[in-house]
Amino acid sequence: MTDEASAGPGSGAAGASAVSGDEPRARAPVPVSTLKKRADFLAAARARRWATPGVIVQGRERGADEAAETPVRVGFTCSKKVGGAVRRNRAKRRLRAAAAAVLPHAARPGWDYVLIGLAEATAARPFAALKTDLYEALERLHAGKGREGGPPRRRRFGRGKGARV
């Protein structure tokens, strides 16, 4: 094995895999399922998020009262800013492939993740870099970094208290 192949995800090596079996941080793979309910996506939107050049990752730790069929759940989304249906579907396919490669080794049991595709970036970014972006975002979220989400900001000139007439 060459030095480039054994380099970690933060080393910047172009050919390096984001997750390899000989890294000390690697753990036993965990089963991953897909988020399907809108309520789960909205709950993840209120949680922490981390943006990288290729993907935005929202992650939240589920409460003890929330039952799930598998320890890790993941959802995928792309807005119309990414492009038409063909471009959105291509970006989501790439996100699914990156998640299948990274999440079984880097995700934490009891967490939900939502991967958001970015316009012009997710589909065009080299796949190795996309996996590295996902791995980095997961590390940051698990370290407690990232911006908190929340409900949408109140409209400035809406109806209600202090509304202009």
N, C-alpha and C. Protein backbone atom coordinates (compact mmCIF):
# COMPACT_ATOMS: atom_id res chain seq x y z
N MET A 1 0.86 -1.18 0.00
CA MET A 1 0.00 0.00 0.00
C MET A 1 0.89 1.23 0.00
N THR A 2 0.59 2.19 -0.85
CA THR A 2 1.41 3.40 -0.93
C THR A 2 1.03 4.38 0.15
N ASP A 3 1.87 5.41 0.31
CA ASP A 3 1.59 6.43 1.31
C ASP A 3 0.31 7.20 0.99
N GLU A 4 0.05 7.42 -0.31
CA GLU A 4 -1.15 8.16 -0.69
C GLU A 4 -2.41 7.37 -0.35
N ALA A 5 -2.36 6.07 -0.54
CA ALA A 5 -3.55 5.26 -0.29
C ALA A 5 -3.84 5.13 1.19
N SER A 6 -2.81 5.24 2.04
CA SER A 6 -3.05 5.09 3.47
C SER A 6 -3.31 6.42 4.15
N ALA A 7 -3.29 7.52 3.40
CA ALA A 7 -3.53 8.84 3.99
C ALA A 7 -4.98 8.96 4.41
N GLY A 8 -5.23 9.71 5.47
CA GLY A 8 -6.58 9.91 5.98
C GLY A 8 -7.35 10.91 5.16
N PRO A 9 -8.61 11.13 5.50
CA PRO A 9 -9.47 12.01 4.72
C PRO A 9 -9.04 13.46 4.78
N GLY A 10 -8.37 13.89 5.80
CA GLY A 10 -7.96 15.28 5.91
C GLY A 10 -6.62 15.58 5.30
N SER A 11 -5.97 14.58 4.69
CA SER A 11 -4.63 14.77 4.18
C SER A 11 -4.60 15.45 2.83
N GLY A 12 -5.72 15.46 2.11
CA GLY A 12 -5.76 16.13 0.82
C GLY A 12 -5.28 15.25 -0.31
N ALA A 13 -4.96 14.00 -0.09
CA ALA A 13 -4.53 13.12 -1.15
C ALA A 13 -5.71 12.85 -2.08
N ALA A 14 -5.49 13.04 -3.37
CA ALA A 14 -6.58 12.96 -4.32
C ALA A 14 -7.14 11.54 -4.44
N GLY A 15 -6.30 10.53 -4.36
CA GLY A 15 -6.76 9.18 -4.54
C GLY A 15 -7.16 8.49 -3.25
N ALA A 16 -7.06 9.17 -2.14
CA ALA A 16 -7.34 8.53 -0.85
C ALA A 16 -8.83 8.35 -0.64
N SER A 17 -9.18 7.20 -0.11
CA SER A 17 -10.57 6.92 0.23
C SER A 17 -10.93 7.64 1.51
N ALA A 18 -12.19 8.06 1.63
CA ALA A 18 -12.61 8.78 2.83
C ALA A 18 -12.63 7.87 4.05
N VAL A 19 -12.89 6.60 3.85
CA VAL A 19 -12.93 5.66 4.96
C VAL A 19 -12.24 4.39 4.50
N SER A 20 -11.23 3.97 5.23
CA SER A 20 -10.56 2.72 4.91
C SER A 20 -10.57 1.82 6.13
N GLY A 21 -10.39 0.56 5.91
CA GLY A 21 -10.47 -0.40 6.99
C GLY A 21 -9.31 -0.31 7.98
N ASP A 22 -8.15 0.27 7.59
CA ASP A 22 -7.02 0.30 8.48
C ASP A 22 -6.89 1.59 9.28
N GLU A 23 -7.89 2.46 9.23
CA GLU A 23 -7.86 3.68 10.04
C GLU A 23 -8.24 3.34 11.47
N PRO A 24 -7.61 3.98 12.44
CA PRO A 24 -7.95 3.67 13.83
C PRO A 24 -9.36 4.09 14.21
N ARG A 25 -9.96 5.08 13.51
CA ARG A 25 -11.29 5.55 13.85
C ARG A 25 -12.38 4.64 13.32
N ALA A 26 -12.04 3.73 12.41
CA ALA A 26 -13.06 2.86 11.81
C ALA A 26 -13.64 1.94 12.87
N ARG A 27 -14.95 1.73 12.79
CA ARG A 27 -15.61 0.82 13.71
C ARG A 27 -16.48 -0.13 12.92
N ALA A 28 -17.09 -1.05 13.61
CA ALA A 28 -17.93 -2.03 12.93
C ALA A 28 -19.06 -1.32 12.19
N PRO A 29 -19.39 -1.76 10.98
CA PRO A 29 -20.46 -1.11 10.23
C PRO A 29 -21.80 -1.21 10.95
N VAL A 30 -22.58 -0.13 10.85
CA VAL A 30 -23.92 -0.12 11.43
C VAL A 30 -24.92 -0.13 10.29
N PRO A 31 -26.07 -0.77 10.49
CA PRO A 31 -27.08 -0.77 9.43
C PRO A 31 -27.68 0.63 9.25
N VAL A 32 -27.97 0.96 8.01
CA VAL A 32 -28.49 2.28 7.67
C VAL A 32 -29.81 2.10 6.92
N SER A 33 -30.83 2.89 7.30
CA SER A 33 -32.09 2.88 6.56
C SER A 33 -32.39 4.30 6.09
N THR A 34 -33.45 4.44 5.31
CA THR A 34 -33.79 5.72 4.70
C THR A 34 -34.93 6.40 5.45
N LEU A 35 -34.80 7.72 5.64
CA LEU A 35 -35.89 8.52 6.20
C LEU A 35 -36.98 8.63 5.15
N LYS A 36 -38.22 8.48 5.58
CA LYS A 36 -39.32 8.56 4.63
C LYS A 36 -40.38 9.57 5.04
N LYS A 37 -40.52 9.84 6.32
CA LYS A 37 -41.58 10.72 6.80
C LYS A 37 -41.11 12.17 6.83
N ARG A 38 -41.99 13.05 6.42
CA ARG A 38 -41.69 14.48 6.41
C ARG A 38 -41.33 14.99 7.79
N ALA A 39 -41.98 14.47 8.82
CA ALA A 39 -41.70 14.90 10.19
C ALA A 39 -40.25 14.63 10.58
N ASP A 40 -39.68 13.53 10.09
CA ASP A 40 -38.28 13.22 10.38
C ASP A 40 -37.35 14.21 9.69
N PHE A 41 -37.69 14.60 8.46
CA PHE A 41 -36.89 15.60 7.75
C PHE A 41 -36.96 16.95 8.47
N LEU A 42 -38.15 17.32 8.92
CA LEU A 42 -38.31 18.59 9.62
C LEU A 42 -37.58 18.60 10.96
N ALA A 43 -37.58 17.47 11.65
CA ALA A 43 -36.85 17.38 12.92
C ALA A 43 -35.35 17.54 12.68
N ALA A 44 -34.84 16.95 11.60
CA ALA A 44 -33.42 17.10 11.27
C ALA A 44 -33.09 18.53 10.87
N ALA A 45 -34.05 19.22 10.25
CA ALA A 45 -33.83 20.61 9.83
C ALA A 45 -33.68 21.54 11.03
N ARG A 46 -34.25 21.16 12.17
CA ARG A 46 -34.13 21.98 13.38
C ARG A 46 -32.86 21.66 14.16
N ALA A 47 -32.12 20.65 13.72
CA ALA A 47 -30.92 20.21 14.45
C ALA A 47 -29.67 20.89 13.88
N ARG A 48 -28.52 20.36 14.24
CA ARG A 48 -27.26 20.92 13.76
C ARG A 48 -27.05 20.62 12.28
N ARG A 49 -26.27 21.51 11.64
CA ARG A 49 -25.93 21.30 10.24
C ARG A 49 -24.50 21.74 9.99
N TRP A 50 -23.89 21.12 8.99
CA TRP A 50 -22.53 21.49 8.61
C TRP A 50 -22.47 21.49 7.09
N ALA A 51 -21.94 22.57 6.53
CA ALA A 51 -21.83 22.70 5.08
C ALA A 51 -20.40 22.49 4.64
N THR A 52 -20.23 21.75 3.57
CA THR A 52 -18.94 21.54 2.93
C THR A 52 -19.11 21.93 1.47
N PRO A 53 -18.03 21.96 0.70
CA PRO A 53 -18.18 22.37 -0.71
C PRO A 53 -19.11 21.48 -1.54
N GLY A 54 -19.29 20.23 -1.16
CA GLY A 54 -20.10 19.33 -1.98
C GLY A 54 -21.46 18.97 -1.42
N VAL A 55 -21.68 19.17 -0.12
CA VAL A 55 -22.92 18.71 0.50
C VAL A 55 -23.16 19.46 1.81
N ILE A 56 -24.43 19.60 2.16
CA ILE A 56 -24.80 20.09 3.49
C ILE A 56 -25.36 18.89 4.23
N VAL A 57 -24.90 18.69 5.47
CA VAL A 57 -25.37 17.56 6.27
C VAL A 57 -26.08 18.10 7.51
N GLN A 58 -27.31 17.67 7.70
CA GLN A 58 -28.06 17.97 8.92
C GLN A 58 -28.07 16.69 9.74
N GLY A 59 -27.81 16.80 11.03
CA GLY A 59 -27.77 15.61 11.86
C GLY A 59 -28.38 15.88 13.22
N ARG A 60 -29.07 14.89 13.74
CA ARG A 60 -29.64 15.01 15.08
C ARG A 60 -29.64 13.66 15.75
N GLU A 61 -29.47 13.70 17.05
CA GLU A 61 -29.55 12.48 17.84
C GLU A 61 -30.99 12.29 18.25
N ARG A 62 -31.53 11.11 17.97
CA ARG A 62 -32.92 10.82 18.32
C ARG A 62 -33.06 10.68 19.82
N GLY A 63 -34.23 11.02 20.31
CA GLY A 63 -34.52 10.86 21.73
C GLY A 63 -34.79 9.40 22.07
N ALA A 64 -34.77 9.12 23.36
CA ALA A 64 -35.00 7.74 23.81
C ALA A 64 -36.43 7.28 23.51
N ASP A 65 -37.37 8.23 23.42
CA ASP A 65 -38.76 7.88 23.16
C ASP A 65 -39.07 7.62 21.69
N GLU A 66 -38.12 7.90 20.82
CA GLU A 66 -38.32 7.71 19.38
C GLU A 66 -37.80 6.34 18.96
N ALA A 67 -38.69 5.50 18.53
CA ALA A 67 -38.30 4.17 18.07
C ALA A 67 -37.90 4.24 16.60
N ALA A 68 -36.95 3.40 16.23
CA ALA A 68 -36.52 3.34 14.84
C ALA A 68 -36.21 1.89 14.49
N GLU A 69 -36.38 1.55 13.22
CA GLU A 69 -36.13 0.19 12.79
C GLU A 69 -34.64 -0.13 12.72
N THR A 70 -33.80 0.88 12.50
CA THR A 70 -32.36 0.68 12.46
C THR A 70 -31.68 1.80 13.26
N PRO A 71 -30.45 1.58 13.69
CA PRO A 71 -29.76 2.57 14.51
C PRO A 71 -29.50 3.89 13.78
N VAL A 72 -29.25 3.86 12.47
CA VAL A 72 -28.92 5.07 11.71
C VAL A 72 -29.92 5.21 10.57
N ARG A 73 -30.45 6.43 10.42
CA ARG A 73 -31.36 6.71 9.31
C ARG A 73 -30.82 7.92 8.53
N VAL A 74 -31.01 7.90 7.22
CA VAL A 74 -30.51 8.98 6.38
C VAL A 74 -31.56 9.34 5.34
N GLY A 75 -31.65 10.64 5.03
CA GLY A 75 -32.55 11.13 3.99
C GLY A 75 -31.76 11.96 2.99
N PHE A 76 -32.27 12.10 1.80
CA PHE A 76 -31.59 12.83 0.73
C PHE A 76 -32.56 13.83 0.12
N THR A 77 -32.07 15.02 -0.17
CA THR A 77 -32.92 16.03 -0.79
C THR A 77 -32.08 16.98 -1.64
N CYS A 78 -32.71 17.47 -2.68
CA CYS A 78 -32.12 18.49 -3.55
C CYS A 78 -33.24 19.43 -3.96
N SER A 79 -33.01 20.72 -3.84
CA SER A 79 -34.03 21.68 -4.24
C SER A 79 -33.97 21.90 -5.75
N LYS A 80 -34.92 22.66 -6.25
CA LYS A 80 -34.94 22.95 -7.68
C LYS A 80 -33.79 23.88 -8.10
N LYS A 81 -33.10 24.45 -7.12
CA LYS A 81 -31.92 25.26 -7.44
C LYS A 81 -30.82 24.41 -8.05
N VAL A 82 -30.83 23.12 -7.76
CA VAL A 82 -29.83 22.21 -8.31
C VAL A 82 -30.05 22.06 -9.82
N GLY A 83 -31.29 22.11 -10.26
CA GLY A 83 -31.60 21.99 -11.67
C GLY A 83 -32.90 21.24 -11.86
N GLY A 84 -33.09 20.78 -13.09
CA GLY A 84 -34.28 20.01 -13.40
C GLY A 84 -34.23 18.63 -12.75
N ALA A 85 -35.22 17.82 -13.05
CA ALA A 85 -35.34 16.50 -12.42
C ALA A 85 -34.12 15.63 -12.70
N VAL A 86 -33.58 15.69 -13.91
CA VAL A 86 -32.43 14.85 -14.25
C VAL A 86 -31.23 15.23 -13.39
N ARG A 87 -30.97 16.52 -13.26
CA ARG A 87 -29.82 16.97 -12.44
C ARG A 87 -30.04 16.67 -10.95
N ARG A 88 -31.25 16.88 -10.45
CA ARG A 88 -31.54 16.58 -9.04
C ARG A 88 -31.36 15.10 -8.75
N ASN A 89 -31.87 14.25 -9.64
CA ASN A 89 -31.74 12.81 -9.44
C ASN A 89 -30.29 12.35 -9.51
N ARG A 90 -29.50 12.95 -10.40
CA ARG A 90 -28.08 12.59 -10.47
C ARG A 90 -27.37 12.98 -9.19
N ALA A 91 -27.66 14.17 -8.68
CA ALA A 91 -27.04 14.61 -7.43
C ALA A 91 -27.44 13.69 -6.27
N LYS A 92 -28.71 13.29 -6.22
CA LYS A 92 -29.16 12.40 -5.14
C LYS A 92 -28.53 11.01 -5.27
N ARG A 93 -28.36 10.51 -6.50
CA ARG A 93 -27.70 9.22 -6.69
C ARG A 93 -26.27 9.26 -6.17
N ARG A 94 -25.57 10.36 -6.43
CA ARG A 94 -24.19 10.50 -5.94
C ARG A 94 -24.17 10.60 -4.42
N LEU A 95 -25.14 11.31 -3.84
CA LEU A 95 -25.21 11.39 -2.38
C LEU A 95 -25.50 10.01 -1.77
N ARG A 96 -26.39 9.23 -2.41
CA ARG A 96 -26.68 7.89 -1.91
C ARG A 96 -25.44 7.00 -1.94
N ALA A 97 -24.68 7.10 -3.03
CA ALA A 97 -23.47 6.29 -3.15
C ALA A 97 -22.43 6.69 -2.11
N ALA A 98 -22.26 7.99 -1.89
CA ALA A 98 -21.31 8.46 -0.87
C ALA A 98 -21.77 8.03 0.52
N ALA A 99 -23.06 8.12 0.78
CA ALA A 99 -23.59 7.71 2.08
C ALA A 99 -23.39 6.22 2.30
N ALA A 100 -23.59 5.42 1.26
CA ALA A 100 -23.41 3.97 1.39
C ALA A 100 -21.96 3.63 1.69
N ALA A 101 -21.02 4.44 1.21
CA ALA A 101 -19.61 4.18 1.46
C ALA A 101 -19.14 4.68 2.82
N VAL A 102 -19.71 5.79 3.29
CA VAL A 102 -19.19 6.46 4.49
C VAL A 102 -20.02 6.16 5.75
N LEU A 103 -21.33 6.24 5.66
CA LEU A 103 -22.17 6.14 6.86
C LEU A 103 -22.04 4.85 7.65
N PRO A 104 -21.94 3.68 7.04
CA PRO A 104 -21.82 2.48 7.87
C PRO A 104 -20.63 2.51 8.81
N HIS A 105 -19.59 3.28 8.48
CA HIS A 105 -18.38 3.33 9.29
C HIS A 105 -18.27 4.59 10.15
N ALA A 106 -18.87 5.69 9.71
CA ALA A 106 -18.67 6.97 10.40
C ALA A 106 -19.90 7.46 11.15
N ALA A 107 -21.06 6.92 10.86
CA ALA A 107 -22.29 7.39 11.52
C ALA A 107 -22.38 6.82 12.93
N ARG A 108 -23.11 7.52 13.77
CA ARG A 108 -23.33 7.07 15.14
C ARG A 108 -24.73 6.48 15.28
N PRO A 109 -24.83 5.35 15.98
CA PRO A 109 -26.16 4.77 16.20
C PRO A 109 -27.06 5.75 16.97
N GLY A 110 -28.34 5.77 16.60
CA GLY A 110 -29.30 6.65 17.26
C GLY A 110 -29.37 8.03 16.63
N TRP A 111 -28.75 8.23 15.48
CA TRP A 111 -28.74 9.52 14.81
C TRP A 111 -29.52 9.44 13.50
N ASP A 112 -30.10 10.59 13.12
CA ASP A 112 -30.72 10.78 11.81
C ASP A 112 -29.90 11.82 11.06
N TYR A 113 -29.70 11.60 9.77
CA TYR A 113 -28.95 12.53 8.94
C TYR A 113 -29.77 12.86 7.70
N VAL A 114 -29.67 14.11 7.24
CA VAL A 114 -30.24 14.51 5.96
C VAL A 114 -29.11 15.12 5.15
N LEU A 115 -28.90 14.59 3.94
CA LEU A 115 -27.87 15.09 3.04
C LEU A 115 -28.54 15.94 1.98
N ILE A 116 -28.08 17.17 1.84
CA ILE A 116 -28.68 18.13 0.92
C ILE A 116 -27.69 18.40 -0.21
N GLY A 117 -28.13 18.18 -1.44
CA GLY A 117 -27.30 18.44 -2.61
C GLY A 117 -27.23 19.92 -2.91
N LEU A 118 -26.09 20.35 -3.43
CA LEU A 118 -25.86 21.75 -3.75
C LEU A 118 -25.81 21.97 -5.26
N ALA A 119 -26.32 23.11 -5.71
CA ALA A 119 -26.33 23.44 -7.13
C ALA A 119 -24.91 23.49 -7.66
N GLU A 120 -24.68 22.88 -8.79
CA GLU A 120 -23.41 22.89 -9.51
C GLU A 120 -22.26 22.24 -8.76
N ALA A 121 -22.44 21.80 -7.53
CA ALA A 121 -21.32 21.26 -6.77
C ALA A 121 -21.43 19.76 -6.55
N THR A 122 -22.57 19.27 -6.13
CA THR A 122 -22.71 17.86 -5.77
C THR A 122 -22.47 16.96 -6.98
N ALA A 123 -23.04 17.30 -8.11
CA ALA A 123 -22.90 16.45 -9.29
C ALA A 123 -21.54 16.59 -9.95
N ALA A 124 -20.89 17.75 -9.82
CA ALA A 124 -19.63 17.99 -10.50
C ALA A 124 -18.41 17.64 -9.66
N ARG A 125 -18.55 17.54 -8.36
CA ARG A 125 -17.41 17.30 -7.47
C ARG A 125 -16.89 15.87 -7.65
N PRO A 126 -15.57 15.68 -7.64
CA PRO A 126 -15.04 14.31 -7.72
C PRO A 126 -15.58 13.46 -6.57
N PHE A 127 -15.84 12.18 -6.86
CA PHE A 127 -16.50 11.34 -5.88
C PHE A 127 -15.67 11.17 -4.61
N ALA A 128 -14.37 11.06 -4.74
CA ALA A 128 -13.51 10.92 -3.55
C ALA A 128 -13.62 12.17 -2.67
N ALA A 129 -13.69 13.34 -3.30
CA ALA A 129 -13.83 14.58 -2.54
C ALA A 129 -15.21 14.66 -1.88
N LEU A 130 -16.23 14.15 -2.56
CA LEU A 130 -17.58 14.15 -1.99
C LEU A 130 -17.64 13.26 -0.73
N LYS A 131 -16.98 12.09 -0.79
CA LYS A 131 -16.93 11.22 0.39
C LYS A 131 -16.15 11.88 1.52
N THR A 132 -15.08 12.56 1.19
CA THR A 132 -14.29 13.27 2.21
C THR A 132 -15.12 14.38 2.83
N ASP A 133 -15.89 15.10 2.03
CA ASP A 133 -16.77 16.15 2.54
C ASP A 133 -17.78 15.58 3.53
N LEU A 134 -18.37 14.45 3.18
CA LEU A 134 -19.35 13.82 4.05
C LEU A 134 -18.71 13.36 5.36
N TYR A 135 -17.54 12.76 5.27
CA TYR A 135 -16.84 12.29 6.45
C TYR A 135 -16.49 13.46 7.38
N GLU A 136 -16.01 14.56 6.78
CA GLU A 136 -15.65 15.76 7.57
C GLU A 136 -16.89 16.35 8.25
N ALA A 137 -18.00 16.42 7.53
CA ALA A 137 -19.23 16.98 8.10
C ALA A 137 -19.72 16.13 9.27
N LEU A 138 -19.64 14.81 9.14
CA LEU A 138 -20.06 13.94 10.24
C LEU A 138 -19.18 14.14 11.47
N GLU A 139 -17.87 14.24 11.26
CA GLU A 139 -16.97 14.47 12.40
C GLU A 139 -17.31 15.78 13.11
N ARG A 140 -17.58 16.82 12.35
CA ARG A 140 -17.91 18.12 12.94
C ARG A 140 -19.23 18.08 13.70
N LEU A 141 -20.23 17.43 13.12
CA LEU A 141 -21.53 17.34 13.79
C LEU A 141 -21.41 16.55 15.10
N HIS A 142 -20.67 15.46 15.06
CA HIS A 142 -20.52 14.64 16.26
C HIS A 142 -19.69 15.35 17.32
N ALA A 143 -18.85 16.30 16.92
CA ALA A 143 -18.06 17.07 17.88
C ALA A 143 -18.87 18.22 18.49
N GLY A 144 -20.12 18.36 18.07
CA GLY A 144 -20.98 19.41 18.62
C GLY A 144 -20.82 20.73 17.90
N LYS A 145 -20.17 20.72 16.75
CA LYS A 145 -20.01 21.94 15.98
C LYS A 145 -21.14 22.03 14.97
N GLY A 146 -21.24 23.16 14.35
CA GLY A 146 -22.28 23.36 13.35
C GLY A 146 -23.32 24.32 13.84
N ARG A 147 -24.03 24.89 12.91
CA ARG A 147 -25.05 25.87 13.23
C ARG A 147 -26.35 25.16 13.58
N GLU A 148 -27.00 25.66 14.61
CA GLU A 148 -28.31 25.11 14.99
C GLU A 148 -29.35 25.58 13.99
N GLY A 149 -30.23 24.69 13.62
CA GLY A 149 -31.35 25.06 12.78
C GLY A 149 -32.46 25.58 13.67
N GLY A 150 -33.59 25.78 13.12
CA GLY A 150 -34.71 26.23 13.92
C GLY A 150 -35.87 26.57 13.02
N PRO A 151 -36.93 27.04 13.62
CA PRO A 151 -38.08 27.41 12.80
C PRO A 151 -37.71 28.59 11.91
N PRO A 152 -38.41 28.76 10.81
CA PRO A 152 -38.12 29.88 9.93
C PRO A 152 -38.28 31.21 10.65
N ARG A 153 -37.51 32.18 10.22
CA ARG A 153 -37.59 33.50 10.84
C ARG A 153 -38.94 34.11 10.57
N ARG A 154 -39.42 34.89 11.55
CA ARG A 154 -40.72 35.53 11.43
C ARG A 154 -40.65 36.59 10.33
N ARG A 155 -41.71 36.66 9.55
CA ARG A 155 -41.75 37.67 8.49
C ARG A 155 -41.83 39.05 9.10
N ARG A 156 -41.13 39.97 8.53
CA ARG A 156 -41.03 41.31 9.09
C ARG A 156 -42.33 42.09 8.97
N PHE A 157 -43.00 41.95 7.85
CA PHE A 157 -44.19 42.74 7.63
C PHE A 157 -45.42 41.85 7.46
N GLY A 158 -45.52 40.82 8.27
CA GLY A 158 -46.68 39.93 8.21
C GLY A 158 -47.84 40.50 9.01
N ARG A 159 -48.91 39.80 9.00
CA ARG A 159 -50.06 40.22 9.80
C ARG A 159 -49.82 39.80 11.23
N GLY A 160 -50.32 40.55 12.14
CA GLY A 160 -50.15 40.24 13.55
C GLY A 160 -49.64 41.45 14.31
N LYS A 161 -49.10 41.22 15.45
CA LYS A 161 -48.65 42.30 16.31
C LYS A 161 -47.57 43.11 15.61
N GLY A 162 -47.77 44.39 15.54
CA GLY A 162 -46.80 45.30 14.94
C GLY A 162 -46.81 45.32 13.43
N ALA A 163 -47.83 44.74 12.80
CA ALA A 163 -47.89 44.70 11.34
C ALA A 163 -48.26 46.07 10.79
N ARG A 164 -47.68 46.37 9.67
CA ARG A 164 -48.04 47.62 9.01
C ARG A 164 -49.32 47.42 8.24
N VAL A 165 -50.15 48.44 8.25
CA VAL A 165 -51.44 48.33 7.57
C VAL A 165 -51.47 49.22 6.36
